[in-house]
Amino acid sequence: MRNLSSISVHPEIQDGAPVFSGTRIRVETFMDFMRIGVSVNEFLDEFPSITRDQALEVYDLVVREYSLDQMRTLADGGPMYQDSGRNNLH
C-alpha cells in the first residue's frame, strides 16, 4: 500500500471529489491542465496553495493513467498494485 498524502476526499468538500489536501482545488482541474499542455510549473503559478510535492505526486498518477476513481480509492487508503508495468487498482 502507498501512502498518498497529496489527495484527500471528504463528502463536504467539492461534493466528495478528490482534491489536493488542504485545499478545495480538484485533482480533475490539474488533470485538465495537463491534458491541454500546461506545465506543472504553470499550474503551480495559478494555484500557489498547492505544493510542488503535491503536484508531482499527482502528476505521477496522471502519467500512469490513474482515473479519478482510482485516485479516490488511494486517498481513502486503498491498495495500489503493479500490473504489467502500470499501476492499477483491483
PDB file of N, CA and C in Angstrom:
ATOM      1  N   MET A   1       0.844  -1.178   0.000  1.00  0.00           N
ATOM      2  CA  MET A   1       0.000   0.000   0.000  1.00  0.00           C
ATOM      3  C   MET A   1       0.890   1.243   0.000  1.00  0.00           C
ATOM      4  N   ARG A   2       0.425   2.270  -0.669  1.00  0.00           N
ATOM      5  CA  ARG A   2       1.174   3.524  -0.800  1.00  0.00           C
ATOM      6  C   ARG A   2       0.495   4.592   0.039  1.00  0.00           C
ATOM      7  N   ASN A   3       1.280   5.386   0.715  1.00  0.00           N
ATOM      8  CA  ASN A   3       0.746   6.498   1.479  1.00  0.00           C
ATOM      9  C   ASN A   3       0.554   7.680   0.535  1.00  0.00           C
ATOM     10  N   LEU A   4      -0.677   7.989   0.215  1.00  0.00           N
ATOM     11  CA  LEU A   4      -0.986   9.081  -0.706  1.00  0.00           C
ATOM     12  C   LEU A   4      -1.468  10.268   0.118  1.00  0.00           C
ATOM     13  N   SER A   5      -0.578  11.214   0.344  1.00  0.00           N
ATOM     14  CA  SER A   5      -0.915  12.341   1.209  1.00  0.00           C
ATOM     15  C   SER A   5      -1.351  13.585   0.448  1.00  0.00           C
ATOM     16  N   SER A   6      -1.173  13.587  -0.856  1.00  0.00           N
ATOM     17  CA  SER A   6      -1.455  14.791  -1.644  1.00  0.00           C
ATOM     18  C   SER A   6      -2.914  14.956  -2.014  1.00  0.00           C
ATOM     19  N   ILE A   7      -3.690  13.890  -1.889  1.00  0.00           N
ATOM     20  CA  ILE A   7      -5.101  13.928  -2.280  1.00  0.00           C
ATOM     21  C   ILE A   7      -5.956  13.590  -1.073  1.00  0.00           C
ATOM     22  N   SER A   8      -7.028  14.329  -0.915  1.00  0.00           N
ATOM     23  CA  SER A   8      -8.000  13.989   0.120  1.00  0.00           C
ATOM     24  C   SER A   8      -9.397  14.009  -0.476  1.00  0.00           C
ATOM     25  N   VAL A   9     -10.264  13.274   0.183  1.00  0.00           N
ATOM     26  CA  VAL A   9     -11.663  13.169  -0.249  1.00  0.00           C
ATOM     27  C   VAL A   9     -12.534  13.316   0.993  1.00  0.00           C
ATOM     28  N   HIS A  10     -13.469  14.243   0.919  1.00  0.00           N
ATOM     29  CA  HIS A  10     -14.399  14.450   2.028  1.00  0.00           C
ATOM     30  C   HIS A  10     -15.741  14.835   1.415  1.00  0.00           C
ATOM     31  N   PRO A  11     -16.823  14.220   1.859  1.00  0.00           N
ATOM     32  CA  PRO A  11     -18.129  14.489   1.243  1.00  0.00           C
ATOM     33  C   PRO A  11     -18.564  15.951   1.285  1.00  0.00           C
ATOM     34  N   GLU A  12     -18.043  16.723   2.235  1.00  0.00           N
ATOM     35  CA  GLU A  12     -18.440  18.126   2.350  1.00  0.00           C
ATOM     36  C   GLU A  12     -17.508  19.085   1.615  1.00  0.00           C
ATOM     37  N   ILE A  13     -16.474  18.556   0.982  1.00  0.00           N
ATOM     38  CA  ILE A  13     -15.548  19.399   0.212  1.00  0.00           C
ATOM     39  C   ILE A  13     -15.676  19.023  -1.256  1.00  0.00           C
ATOM     40  N   GLN A  14     -16.092  19.984  -2.072  1.00  0.00           N
ATOM     41  CA  GLN A  14     -16.261  19.792  -3.519  1.00  0.00           C
ATOM     42  C   GLN A  14     -17.086  18.541  -3.843  1.00  0.00           C
ATOM     43  N   ASP A  15     -18.143  18.333  -3.077  1.00  0.00           N
ATOM     44  CA  ASP A  15     -19.067  17.208  -3.297  1.00  0.00           C
ATOM     45  C   ASP A  15     -18.372  15.846  -3.298  1.00  0.00           C
ATOM     46  N   GLY A  16     -17.281  15.731  -2.520  1.00  0.00           N
ATOM     47  CA  GLY A  16     -16.589  14.454  -2.408  1.00  0.00           C
ATOM     48  C   GLY A  16     -15.606  14.160  -3.522  1.00  0.00           C
ATOM     49  N   ALA A  17     -15.358  15.129  -4.390  1.00  0.00           N
ATOM     50  CA  ALA A  17     -14.376  14.936  -5.467  1.00  0.00           C
ATOM     51  C   ALA A  17     -12.969  14.935  -4.864  1.00  0.00           C
ATOM     52  N   PRO A  18     -12.037  14.193  -5.458  1.00  0.00           N
ATOM     53  CA  PRO A  18     -10.654  14.245  -4.983  1.00  0.00           C
ATOM     54  C   PRO A  18     -10.093  15.654  -5.152  1.00  0.00           C
ATOM     55  N   VAL A  19      -9.504  16.169  -4.071  1.00  0.00           N
ATOM     56  CA  VAL A  19      -8.897  17.499  -4.083  1.00  0.00           C
ATOM     57  C   VAL A  19      -7.470  17.392  -3.557  1.00  0.00           C
ATOM     58  N   PHE A  20      -6.671  18.416  -3.848  1.00  0.00           N
ATOM     59  CA  PHE A  20      -5.347  18.485  -3.248  1.00  0.00           C
ATOM     60  C   PHE A  20      -5.535  18.727  -1.754  1.00  0.00           C
ATOM     61  N   SER A  21      -4.873  17.936  -0.937  1.00  0.00           N
ATOM     62  CA  SER A  21      -5.019  18.034   0.520  1.00  0.00           C
ATOM     63  C   SER A  21      -4.774  19.460   1.004  1.00  0.00           C
ATOM     64  N   GLY A  22      -5.649  19.900   1.907  1.00  0.00           N
ATOM     65  CA  GLY A  22      -5.538  21.236   2.470  1.00  0.00           C
ATOM     66  C   GLY A  22      -6.086  22.340   1.587  1.00  0.00           C
ATOM     67  N   THR A  23      -6.687  21.955   0.448  1.00  0.00           N
ATOM     68  CA  THR A  23      -7.259  22.940  -0.472  1.00  0.00           C
ATOM     69  C   THR A  23      -8.648  22.480  -0.900  1.00  0.00           C
ATOM     70  N   ARG A  24      -9.281  23.291  -1.715  1.00  0.00           N
ATOM     71  CA  ARG A  24     -10.547  22.908  -2.343  1.00  0.00           C
ATOM     72  C   ARG A  24     -10.344  22.754  -3.853  1.00  0.00           C
ATOM     73  N   ILE A  25      -9.093  22.618  -4.264  1.00  0.00           N
ATOM     74  CA  ILE A  25      -8.758  22.525  -5.687  1.00  0.00           C
ATOM     75  C   ILE A  25      -8.835  21.075  -6.127  1.00  0.00           C
ATOM     76  N   ARG A  26      -9.729  20.837  -7.076  1.00  0.00           N
ATOM     77  CA  ARG A  26      -9.964  19.469  -7.550  1.00  0.00           C
ATOM     78  C   ARG A  26      -8.776  18.924  -8.332  1.00  0.00           C
ATOM     79  N   VAL A  27      -8.501  17.649  -8.129  1.00  0.00           N
ATOM     80  CA  VAL A  27      -7.479  16.959  -8.911  1.00  0.00           C
ATOM     81  C   VAL A  27      -7.879  16.965 -10.388  1.00  0.00           C
ATOM     82  N   GLU A  28      -9.153  16.924 -10.646  1.00  0.00           N
ATOM     83  CA  GLU A  28      -9.647  16.965 -12.020  1.00  0.00           C
ATOM     84  C   GLU A  28      -9.190  18.238 -12.737  1.00  0.00           C
ATOM     85  N   THR A  29      -9.106  19.349 -12.012  1.00  0.00           N
ATOM     86  CA  THR A  29      -8.612  20.596 -12.598  1.00  0.00           C
ATOM     87  C   THR A  29      -7.168  20.424 -13.051  1.00  0.00           C
ATOM     88  N   PHE A  30      -6.357  19.804 -12.203  1.00  0.00           N
ATOM     89  CA  PHE A  30      -4.966  19.531 -12.555  1.00  0.00           C
ATOM     90  C   PHE A  30      -4.892  18.654 -13.799  1.00  0.00           C
ATOM     91  N   MET A  31      -5.706  17.616 -13.840  1.00  0.00           N
ATOM     92  CA  MET A  31      -5.722  16.708 -14.993  1.00  0.00           C
ATOM     93  C   MET A  31      -6.110  17.457 -16.266  1.00  0.00           C
ATOM     94  N   ASP A  32      -7.081  18.350 -16.154  1.00  0.00           N
ATOM     95  CA  ASP A  32      -7.485  19.150 -17.317  1.00  0.00           C
ATOM     96  C   ASP A  32      -6.340  20.038 -17.798  1.00  0.00           C
ATOM     97  N   PHE A  33      -5.635  20.655 -16.868  1.00  0.00           N
ATOM     98  CA  PHE A  33      -4.496  21.495 -17.236  1.00  0.00           C
ATOM     99  C   PHE A  33      -3.427  20.669 -17.947  1.00  0.00           C
ATOM    100  N   MET A  34      -3.130  19.497 -17.418  1.00  0.00           N
ATOM    101  CA  MET A  34      -2.108  18.643 -18.028  1.00  0.00           C
ATOM    102  C   MET A  34      -2.547  18.207 -19.436  1.00  0.00           C
ATOM    103  N   ARG A  35      -3.816  17.915 -19.580  1.00  0.00           N
ATOM    104  CA  ARG A  35      -4.362  17.447 -20.861  1.00  0.00           C
ATOM    105  C   ARG A  35      -4.194  18.487 -21.965  1.00  0.00           C
ATOM    106  N   ILE A  36      -4.273  19.769 -21.613  1.00  0.00           N
ATOM    107  CA  ILE A  36      -4.153  20.815 -22.638  1.00  0.00           C
ATOM    108  C   ILE A  36      -2.721  21.331 -22.788  1.00  0.00           C
ATOM    109  N   GLY A  37      -1.785  20.686 -22.084  1.00  0.00           N
ATOM    110  CA  GLY A  37      -0.383  21.011 -22.278  1.00  0.00           C
ATOM    111  C   GLY A  37       0.214  22.031 -21.325  1.00  0.00           C
ATOM    112  N   VAL A  38      -0.485  22.359 -20.257  1.00  0.00           N
ATOM    113  CA  VAL A  38       0.048  23.280 -19.260  1.00  0.00           C
ATOM    114  C   VAL A  38       1.092  22.533 -18.430  1.00  0.00           C
ATOM    115  N   SER A  39       2.213  23.157 -18.166  1.00  0.00           N
ATOM    116  CA  SER A  39       3.265  22.513 -17.370  1.00  0.00           C
ATOM    117  C   SER A  39       2.893  22.532 -15.888  1.00  0.00           C
ATOM    118  N   VAL A  40       3.558  21.687 -15.123  1.00  0.00           N
ATOM    119  CA  VAL A  40       3.353  21.669 -13.680  1.00  0.00           C
ATOM    120  C   VAL A  40       3.705  23.035 -13.097  1.00  0.00           C
ATOM    121  N   ASN A  41       4.795  23.641 -13.563  1.00  0.00           N
ATOM    122  CA  ASN A  41       5.186  24.968 -13.062  1.00  0.00           C
ATOM    123  C   ASN A  41       4.112  26.013 -13.333  1.00  0.00           C
ATOM    124  N   GLU A  42       3.538  25.992 -14.526  1.00  0.00           N
ATOM    125  CA  GLU A  42       2.469  26.944 -14.850  1.00  0.00           C
ATOM    126  C   GLU A  42       1.244  26.705 -13.973  1.00  0.00           C
ATOM    127  N   PHE A  43       0.920  25.445 -13.737  1.00  0.00           N
ATOM    128  CA  PHE A  43      -0.206  25.115 -12.864  1.00  0.00           C
ATOM    129  C   PHE A  43       0.047  25.662 -11.464  1.00  0.00           C
ATOM    130  N   LEU A  44       1.252  25.449 -10.957  1.00  0.00           N
ATOM    131  CA  LEU A  44       1.587  25.932  -9.614  1.00  0.00           C
ATOM    132  C   LEU A  44       1.537  27.450  -9.535  1.00  0.00           C
ATOM    133  N   ASP A  45       1.879  28.128 -10.620  1.00  0.00           N
ATOM    134  CA  ASP A  45       1.761  29.584 -10.647  1.00  0.00           C
ATOM    135  C   ASP A  45       0.309  30.025 -10.489  1.00  0.00           C
ATOM    136  N   GLU A  46      -0.605  29.265 -11.071  1.00  0.00           N
ATOM    137  CA  GLU A  46      -2.040  29.580 -10.993  1.00  0.00           C
ATOM    138  C   GLU A  46      -2.650  29.194  -9.646  1.00  0.00           C
ATOM    139  N   PHE A  47      -2.073  28.184  -8.991  1.00  0.00           N
ATOM    140  CA  PHE A  47      -2.619  27.656  -7.736  1.00  0.00           C
ATOM    141  C   PHE A  47      -1.512  27.556  -6.692  1.00  0.00           C
ATOM    142  N   PRO A  48      -1.081  28.707  -6.146  1.00  0.00           N
ATOM    143  CA  PRO A  48       0.069  28.720  -5.224  1.00  0.00           C
ATOM    144  C   PRO A  48      -0.172  27.983  -3.903  1.00  0.00           C
ATOM    145  N   SER A  49      -1.412  27.642  -3.585  1.00  0.00           N
ATOM    146  CA  SER A  49      -1.662  26.906  -2.338  1.00  0.00           C
ATOM    147  C   SER A  49      -1.291  25.432  -2.451  1.00  0.00           C
ATOM    148  N   ILE A  50      -1.029  24.963  -3.667  1.00  0.00           N
ATOM    149  CA  ILE A  50      -0.609  23.578  -3.880  1.00  0.00           C
ATOM    150  C   ILE A  50       0.916  23.545  -3.867  1.00  0.00           C
ATOM    151  N   THR A  51       1.473  22.594  -3.128  1.00  0.00           N
ATOM    152  CA  THR A  51       2.929  22.494  -3.069  1.00  0.00           C
ATOM    153  C   THR A  51       3.451  21.724  -4.287  1.00  0.00           C
ATOM    154  N   ARG A  52       4.711  21.927  -4.578  1.00  0.00           N
ATOM    155  CA  ARG A  52       5.362  21.198  -5.674  1.00  0.00           C
ATOM    156  C   ARG A  52       5.293  19.691  -5.410  1.00  0.00           C
ATOM    157  N   ASP A  53       5.531  19.274  -4.171  1.00  0.00           N
ATOM    158  CA  ASP A  53       5.471  17.844  -3.847  1.00  0.00           C
ATOM    159  C   ASP A  53       4.085  17.269  -4.121  1.00  0.00           C
ATOM    160  N   GLN A  54       3.046  18.011  -3.755  1.00  0.00           N
ATOM    161  CA  GLN A  54       1.686  17.554  -4.043  1.00  0.00           C
ATOM    162  C   GLN A  54       1.478  17.398  -5.540  1.00  0.00           C
ATOM    163  N   ALA A  55       1.854  18.421  -6.278  1.00  0.00           N
ATOM    164  CA  ALA A  55       1.643  18.398  -7.729  1.00  0.00           C
ATOM    165  C   ALA A  55       2.407  17.246  -8.371  1.00  0.00           C
ATOM    166  N   LEU A  56       3.636  17.014  -7.940  1.00  0.00           N
ATOM    167  CA  LEU A  56       4.429  15.943  -8.543  1.00  0.00           C
ATOM    168  C   LEU A  56       3.899  14.559  -8.188  1.00  0.00           C
ATOM    169  N   GLU A  57       3.371  14.404  -6.976  1.00  0.00           N
ATOM    170  CA  GLU A  57       2.785  13.112  -6.607  1.00  0.00           C
ATOM    171  C   GLU A  57       1.559  12.817  -7.478  1.00  0.00           C
ATOM    172  N   VAL A  58       0.720  13.815  -7.680  1.00  0.00           N
ATOM    173  CA  VAL A  58      -0.461  13.633  -8.517  1.00  0.00           C
ATOM    174  C   VAL A  58      -0.060  13.493  -9.985  1.00  0.00           C
ATOM    175  N   TYR A  59       0.941  14.248 -10.419  1.00  0.00           N
ATOM    176  CA  TYR A  59       1.433  14.131 -11.787  1.00  0.00           C
ATOM    177  C   TYR A  59       1.865  12.694 -12.081  1.00  0.00           C
ATOM    178  N   ASP A  60       2.532  12.067 -11.126  1.00  0.00           N
ATOM    179  CA  ASP A  60       2.955  10.675 -11.292  1.00  0.00           C
ATOM    180  C   ASP A  60       1.744   9.773 -11.554  1.00  0.00           C
ATOM    181  N   LEU A  61       0.656  10.003 -10.856  1.00  0.00           N
ATOM    182  CA  LEU A  61      -0.557   9.204 -11.061  1.00  0.00           C
ATOM    183  C   LEU A  61      -1.188   9.503 -12.418  1.00  0.00           C
ATOM    184  N   VAL A  62      -1.170  10.758 -12.824  1.00  0.00           N
ATOM    185  CA  VAL A  62      -1.723  11.139 -14.129  1.00  0.00           C
ATOM    186  C   VAL A  62      -0.931  10.461 -15.246  1.00  0.00           C
ATOM    187  N   VAL A  63       0.388  10.487 -15.141  1.00  0.00           N
ATOM    188  CA  VAL A  63       1.239   9.854 -16.153  1.00  0.00           C
ATOM    189  C   VAL A  63       0.968   8.346 -16.218  1.00  0.00           C
ATOM    190  N   ARG A  64       0.661   7.762 -15.077  1.00  0.00           N
ATOM    191  CA  ARG A  64       0.366   6.328 -15.023  1.00  0.00           C
ATOM    192  C   ARG A  64      -1.092   6.021 -15.404  1.00  0.00           C
ATOM    193  N   GLU A  65      -1.797   7.056 -15.819  1.00  0.00           N
ATOM    194  CA  GLU A  65      -3.169   6.947 -16.317  1.00  0.00           C
ATOM    195  C   GLU A  65      -4.172   6.459 -15.266  1.00  0.00           C
ATOM    196  N   TYR A  66      -3.978   6.910 -14.035  1.00  0.00           N
ATOM    197  CA  TYR A  66      -4.965   6.629 -12.991  1.00  0.00           C
ATOM    198  C   TYR A  66      -6.214   7.457 -13.246  1.00  0.00           C
ATOM    199  N   SER A  67      -7.359   6.871 -13.010  1.00  0.00           N
ATOM    200  CA  SER A  67      -8.624   7.597 -13.124  1.00  0.00           C
ATOM    201  C   SER A  67      -8.890   8.334 -11.812  1.00  0.00           C
ATOM    202  N   LEU A  68      -9.851   9.257 -11.837  1.00  0.00           N
ATOM    203  CA  LEU A  68     -10.235   9.951 -10.604  1.00  0.00           C
ATOM    204  C   LEU A  68     -10.763   8.969  -9.568  1.00  0.00           C
ATOM    205  N   ASP A  69     -11.491   7.954 -10.005  1.00  0.00           N
ATOM    206  CA  ASP A  69     -11.999   6.948  -9.074  1.00  0.00           C
ATOM    207  C   ASP A  69     -10.858   6.173  -8.419  1.00  0.00           C
ATOM    208  N   GLN A  70      -9.834   5.852  -9.199  1.00  0.00           N
ATOM    209  CA  GLN A  70      -8.686   5.154  -8.637  1.00  0.00           C
ATOM    210  C   GLN A  70      -7.946   6.045  -7.644  1.00  0.00           C
ATOM    211  N   MET A  71      -7.819   7.321  -7.969  1.00  0.00           N
ATOM    212  CA  MET A  71      -7.167   8.252  -7.047  1.00  0.00           C
ATOM    213  C   MET A  71      -7.978   8.396  -5.768  1.00  0.00           C
ATOM    214  N   ARG A  72      -9.293   8.417  -5.898  1.00  0.00           N
ATOM    215  CA  ARG A  72     -10.177   8.493  -4.722  1.00  0.00           C
ATOM    216  C   ARG A  72      -9.937   7.285  -3.825  1.00  0.00           C
ATOM    217  N   THR A  73      -9.835   6.108  -4.415  1.00  0.00           N
ATOM    218  CA  THR A  73      -9.594   4.890  -3.645  1.00  0.00           C
ATOM    219  C   THR A  73      -8.251   4.965  -2.922  1.00  0.00           C
ATOM    220  N   LEU A  74      -7.228   5.435  -3.617  1.00  0.00           N
ATOM    221  CA  LEU A  74      -5.913   5.587  -2.983  1.00  0.00           C
ATOM    222  C   LEU A  74      -5.963   6.583  -1.833  1.00  0.00           C
ATOM    223  N   ALA A  75      -6.670   7.686  -2.032  1.00  0.00           N
ATOM    224  CA  ALA A  75      -6.781   8.706  -0.988  1.00  0.00           C
ATOM    225  C   ALA A  75      -7.490   8.156   0.238  1.00  0.00           C
ATOM    226  N   ASP A  76      -8.385   7.211   0.010  1.00  0.00           N
ATOM    227  CA  ASP A  76      -9.103   6.570   1.120  1.00  0.00           C
ATOM    228  C   ASP A  76      -8.301   5.439   1.754  1.00  0.00           C
ATOM    229  N   GLY A  77      -7.058   5.249   1.296  1.00  0.00           N
ATOM    230  CA  GLY A  77      -6.206   4.220   1.879  1.00  0.00           C
ATOM    231  C   GLY A  77      -6.266   2.886   1.174  1.00  0.00           C
ATOM    232  N   GLY A  78      -6.875   2.861  -0.012  1.00  0.00           N
ATOM    233  CA  GLY A  78      -6.984   1.620  -0.772  1.00  0.00           C
ATOM    234  C   GLY A  78      -5.653   1.184  -1.356  1.00  0.00           C
ATOM    235  N   PRO A  79      -5.600  -0.051  -1.837  1.00  0.00           N
ATOM    236  CA  PRO A  79      -4.345  -0.618  -2.346  1.00  0.00           C
ATOM    237  C   PRO A  79      -3.971  -0.098  -3.732  1.00  0.00           C
ATOM    238  N   MET A  80      -2.702  -0.229  -4.037  1.00  0.00           N
ATOM    239  CA  MET A  80      -2.157   0.110  -5.344  1.00  0.00           C
ATOM    240  C   MET A  80      -1.348  -1.099  -5.792  1.00  0.00           C
ATOM    241  N   TYR A  81      -1.655  -1.633  -6.937  1.00  0.00           N
ATOM    242  CA  TYR A  81      -0.993  -2.838  -7.413  1.00  0.00           C
ATOM    243  C   TYR A  81      -0.265  -2.581  -8.710  1.00  0.00           C
ATOM    244  N   GLN A  82       0.813  -3.320  -8.945  1.00  0.00           N
ATOM    245  CA  GLN A  82       1.545  -3.280 -10.203  1.00  0.00           C
ATOM    246  C   GLN A  82       0.935  -4.322 -11.128  1.00  0.00           C
ATOM    247  N   ASP A  83       0.760  -3.953 -12.394  1.00  0.00           N
ATOM    248  CA  ASP A  83       0.234  -4.892 -13.375  1.00  0.00           C
ATOM    249  C   ASP A  83       0.867  -4.581 -14.716  1.00  0.00           C
ATOM    250  N   SER A  84       1.738  -5.441 -15.187  1.00  0.00           N
ATOM    251  CA  SER A  84       2.399  -5.258 -16.480  1.00  0.00           C
ATOM    252  C   SER A  84       3.095  -3.905 -16.599  1.00  0.00           C
ATOM    253  N   GLY A  85       3.751  -3.491 -15.525  1.00  0.00           N
ATOM    254  CA  GLY A  85       4.487  -2.241 -15.582  1.00  0.00           C
ATOM    255  C   GLY A  85       3.661  -1.005 -15.315  1.00  0.00           C
ATOM    256  N   ARG A  86       2.354  -1.125 -15.259  1.00  0.00           N
ATOM    257  CA  ARG A  86       1.486   0.015 -14.948  1.00  0.00           C
ATOM    258  C   ARG A  86       0.801  -0.245 -13.634  1.00  0.00           C
ATOM    259  N   ASN A  87       0.517   0.809 -12.916  1.00  0.00           N
ATOM    260  CA  ASN A  87      -0.200   0.674 -11.650  1.00  0.00           C
ATOM    261  C   ASN A  87      -1.678   0.672 -11.921  1.00  0.00           C
ATOM    262  N   ASN A  88      -2.373  -0.303 -11.378  1.00  0.00           N
ATOM    263  CA  ASN A  88      -3.822  -0.397 -11.497  1.00  0.00           C
ATOM    264  C   ASN A  88      -4.403  -0.829 -10.178  1.00  0.00           C
ATOM    265  N   LEU A  89      -5.612  -0.420  -9.931  1.00  0.00           N
ATOM    266  CA  LEU A  89      -6.334  -0.872  -8.741  1.00  0.00           C
ATOM    267  C   LEU A  89      -7.199  -2.053  -9.128  1.00  0.00           C
ATOM    268  N   HIS A  90      -7.314  -2.996  -8.242  1.00  0.00           N
ATOM    269  CA  HIS A  90      -8.163  -4.171  -8.488  1.00  0.00           C
ATOM    270  C   HIS A  90      -9.230  -4.245  -7.428  1.00  0.00           C
TER     271      HIS A  90
END
